[in-house]
Each structure stands twice: as C-alpha cells, then as structure tokens.
Amino acid sequence: MIRKLLLLSVLVMAGCSTGRIPTDNLSSLNNNELCRTLGDNYINSTELFKAMNEVFDRVGSIDIQECKAIANEVKLTEISLRNMQWQNNINSMNTKFMEDAM
C-alpha cells in the first residue's frame, strides 16, 4: 500500500511539470513568449521577478494590456490543468482504495 502511494506521489509530481519557456535568456524571447513566461511562473517569485524586469525594460515596445491578458490566460490554463490533474489523481486513489478494500 505504501509503495502504491509513493508511486502515485511520483506520478503526481511528474504530471505537474509543464513545458515552461526557459528564463535563462529572457532578452531573446519575443513579446508573446515573455508574456507567457509571466503566466508560467506565477508561483516562482524569482523567475516572475526576472520576467517582470524584462517586461519593464521593454516598455514602449510591448503592449502591457495584451501582455497582461496573455499572462492571465496562461496562468488560468495552468491552474485549471493542475486542478484537473489533482481531481483525476484523487479519483484514481479512491478507486484503488475501494478495490483494495474489497
């Protein structure tokens, strides 16, 4: 039983990692990629701060309202995906517990 929970926790953590845009060279990103990076990194304050600094460096050449909309869309999509993954994992655990109990 413990092995199953350990395996499940590894799968959950692996499922939460998404294909994020690398933040090691933000100046090479186009405006849309940079705005996506803001949404991708809403949890990671260090990466978010780096991306926000790059956006501020581009003031005048980047549409801040459009960037905000892109970042919010990415963030909401990621939150929805995480919630869906957690719900699927909970349902799988409940099913497995019921099977093990019988």
C-alpha atoms as a PDB file:
ATOM      1  CA  MET A   1       0.000   0.000   0.000  1.00  0.00           C
ATOM      2  CA  ILE A   2       2.810   2.418   0.884  1.00  0.00           C
ATOM      3  CA  ARG A   3       4.589   1.594  -2.371  1.00  0.00           C
ATOM      4  CA  LYS A   4       1.433   2.416  -4.310  1.00  0.00           C
ATOM      5  CA  LEU A   5       1.112   5.784  -2.572  1.00  0.00           C
ATOM      6  CA  LEU A   6       4.782   6.530  -3.207  1.00  0.00           C
ATOM      7  CA  LEU A   7       4.377   5.672  -6.898  1.00  0.00           C
ATOM      8  CA  LEU A   8       1.250   7.798  -7.080  1.00  0.00           C
ATOM      9  CA  SER A   9       3.015  10.782  -5.489  1.00  0.00           C
ATOM     10  CA  VAL A  10       5.874  10.499  -8.009  1.00  0.00           C
ATOM     11  CA  LEU A  11       3.378  10.409 -10.871  1.00  0.00           C
ATOM     12  CA  VAL A  12       1.529  13.427  -9.483  1.00  0.00           C
ATOM     13  CA  MET A  13       4.718  15.452  -9.201  1.00  0.00           C
ATOM     14  CA  ALA A  14       5.796  14.465 -12.704  1.00  0.00           C
ATOM     15  CA  GLY A  15       2.373  15.386 -14.048  1.00  0.00           C
ATOM     16  CA  CYS A  16       2.597  18.872 -12.587  1.00  0.00           C
ATOM     17  CA  SER A  17       5.689  19.787 -14.551  1.00  0.00           C
ATOM     18  CA  THR A  18       4.832  21.518 -17.780  1.00  0.00           C
ATOM     19  CA  GLY A  19       6.810  22.687 -20.773  1.00  0.00           C
ATOM     20  CA  ARG A  20       7.778  26.073 -19.480  1.00  0.00           C
ATOM     21  CA  ILE A  21       9.658  28.633 -21.542  1.00  0.00           C
ATOM     22  CA  PRO A  22      13.260  28.842 -20.272  1.00  0.00           C
ATOM     23  CA  THR A  23      14.014  32.004 -18.312  1.00  0.00           C
ATOM     24  CA  ASP A  24      17.793  31.921 -18.590  1.00  0.00           C
ATOM     25  CA  ASN A  25      17.854  34.349 -21.554  1.00  0.00           C
ATOM     26  CA  LEU A  26      14.683  36.434 -21.390  1.00  0.00           C
ATOM     27  CA  SER A  27      16.008  39.123 -23.706  1.00  0.00           C
ATOM     28  CA  SER A  28      15.969  36.605 -26.574  1.00  0.00           C
ATOM     29  CA  LEU A  29      12.226  35.945 -26.183  1.00  0.00           C
ATOM     30  CA  ASN A  30       9.684  37.724 -28.323  1.00  0.00           C
ATOM     31  CA  ASN A  31       6.977  39.710 -26.525  1.00  0.00           C
ATOM     32  CA  ASN A  32       4.391  36.901 -26.580  1.00  0.00           C
ATOM     33  CA  GLU A  33       6.861  34.357 -25.196  1.00  0.00           C
ATOM     34  CA  LEU A  34       7.867  36.787 -22.480  1.00  0.00           C
ATOM     35  CA  CYS A  35       4.229  37.338 -21.511  1.00  0.00           C
ATOM     36  CA  ARG A  36       3.643  33.572 -21.462  1.00  0.00           C
ATOM     37  CA  THR A  37       6.624  33.297 -19.129  1.00  0.00           C
ATOM     38  CA  LEU A  38       4.889  35.660 -16.690  1.00  0.00           C
ATOM     39  CA  GLY A  39       1.886  33.324 -16.605  1.00  0.00           C
ATOM     40  CA  ASP A  40       4.021  30.180 -16.414  1.00  0.00           C
ATOM     41  CA  ASN A  41       5.997  31.442 -13.442  1.00  0.00           C
ATOM     42  CA  TYR A  42       3.254  32.968 -11.320  1.00  0.00           C
ATOM     43  CA  ILE A  43       4.234  30.651  -8.426  1.00  0.00           C
ATOM     44  CA  ASN A  44       8.015  31.035  -8.707  1.00  0.00           C
ATOM     45  CA  SER A  45       8.700  34.550  -7.429  1.00  0.00           C
ATOM     46  CA  THR A  46      12.350  34.624  -8.555  1.00  0.00           C
ATOM     47  CA  GLU A  47      11.508  33.736 -12.154  1.00  0.00           C
ATOM     48  CA  LEU A  48       8.472  36.001 -12.115  1.00  0.00           C
ATOM     49  CA  PHE A  49      10.607  38.923 -10.936  1.00  0.00           C
ATOM     50  CA  LYS A  50      13.120  38.307 -13.759  1.00  0.00           C
ATOM     51  CA  ALA A  51      10.336  38.217 -16.351  1.00  0.00           C
ATOM     52  CA  MET A  52       8.698  41.368 -14.960  1.00  0.00           C
ATOM     53  CA  ASN A  53      12.007  43.220 -15.120  1.00  0.00           C
ATOM     54  CA  GLU A  54      12.344  42.260 -18.777  1.00  0.00           C
ATOM     55  CA  VAL A  55       8.792  43.484 -19.459  1.00  0.00           C
ATOM     56  CA  PHE A  56       9.620  46.817 -17.769  1.00  0.00           C
ATOM     57  CA  ASP A  57      12.764  47.067 -19.883  1.00  0.00           C
ATOM     58  CA  ARG A  58      10.558  46.769 -22.971  1.00  0.00           C
ATOM     59  CA  VAL A  59       8.057  49.483 -22.018  1.00  0.00           C
ATOM     60  CA  GLY A  60       7.220  51.341 -25.192  1.00  0.00           C
ATOM     61  CA  SER A  61       7.764  48.313 -27.406  1.00  0.00           C
ATOM     62  CA  ILE A  62       5.393  45.944 -25.607  1.00  0.00           C
ATOM     63  CA  ASP A  63       1.629  46.262 -25.179  1.00  0.00           C
ATOM     64  CA  ILE A  64       1.246  45.912 -21.403  1.00  0.00           C
ATOM     65  CA  GLN A  65      -2.507  45.223 -21.546  1.00  0.00           C
ATOM     66  CA  GLU A  66      -2.052  42.496 -24.149  1.00  0.00           C
ATOM     67  CA  CYS A  67       0.833  41.056 -22.134  1.00  0.00           C
ATOM     68  CA  LYS A  68      -1.320  41.003 -19.011  1.00  0.00           C
ATOM     69  CA  ALA A  69      -4.091  39.202 -20.910  1.00  0.00           C
ATOM     70  CA  ILE A  70      -1.656  36.568 -22.256  1.00  0.00           C
ATOM     71  CA  ALA A  71      -0.107  36.018 -18.815  1.00  0.00           C
ATOM     72  CA  ASN A  72      -3.541  35.656 -17.180  1.00  0.00           C
ATOM     73  CA  GLU A  73      -4.712  33.202 -19.828  1.00  0.00           C
ATOM     74  CA  VAL A  74      -1.617  31.048 -19.337  1.00  0.00           C
ATOM     75  CA  LYS A  75      -1.953  31.233 -15.551  1.00  0.00           C
ATOM     76  CA  LEU A  76      -5.641  30.286 -15.586  1.00  0.00           C
ATOM     77  CA  THR A  77      -4.969  27.425 -18.002  1.00  0.00           C
ATOM     78  CA  GLU A  78      -2.221  26.102 -15.753  1.00  0.00           C
ATOM     79  CA  ILE A  79      -4.406  26.376 -12.655  1.00  0.00           C
ATOM     80  CA  SER A  80      -7.207  24.507 -14.442  1.00  0.00           C
ATOM     81  CA  LEU A  81      -4.818  21.783 -15.587  1.00  0.00           C
ATOM     82  CA  ARG A  82      -3.414  21.362 -12.083  1.00  0.00           C
ATOM     83  CA  ASN A  83      -6.907  21.159 -10.596  1.00  0.00           C
ATOM     84  CA  MET A  84      -7.915  18.599 -13.216  1.00  0.00           C
ATOM     85  CA  GLN A  85      -4.779  16.522 -12.545  1.00  0.00           C
ATOM     86  CA  TRP A  86      -5.402  16.581  -8.801  1.00  0.00           C
ATOM     87  CA  GLN A  87      -9.047  15.594  -9.270  1.00  0.00           C
ATOM     88  CA  ASN A  88      -8.071  12.724 -11.564  1.00  0.00           C
ATOM     89  CA  ASN A  89      -5.455  11.572  -9.052  1.00  0.00           C
ATOM     90  CA  ILE A  90      -7.943  11.741  -6.183  1.00  0.00           C
ATOM     91  CA  ASN A  91     -10.474   9.749  -8.210  1.00  0.00           C
ATOM     92  CA  SER A  92      -7.825   7.150  -9.040  1.00  0.00           C
ATOM     93  CA  MET A  93      -6.806   6.870  -5.394  1.00  0.00           C
ATOM     94  CA  ASN A  94     -10.421   6.494  -4.289  1.00  0.00           C
ATOM     95  CA  THR A  95     -10.984   3.770  -6.884  1.00  0.00           C
ATOM     96  CA  LYS A  96      -7.802   1.975  -5.865  1.00  0.00           C
ATOM     97  CA  PHE A  97      -8.646   2.178  -2.158  1.00  0.00           C
ATOM     98  CA  MET A  98     -12.085   0.755  -2.839  1.00  0.00           C
ATOM     99  CA  GLU A  99     -10.587  -2.087  -4.884  1.00  0.00           C
ATOM    100  CA  ASP A 100      -8.038  -2.825  -2.160  1.00  0.00           C
ATOM    101  CA  ALA A 101     -10.766  -2.798   0.496  1.00  0.00           C
ATOM    102  CA  MET A 102     -12.792  -5.434  -1.282  1.00  0.00           C
END
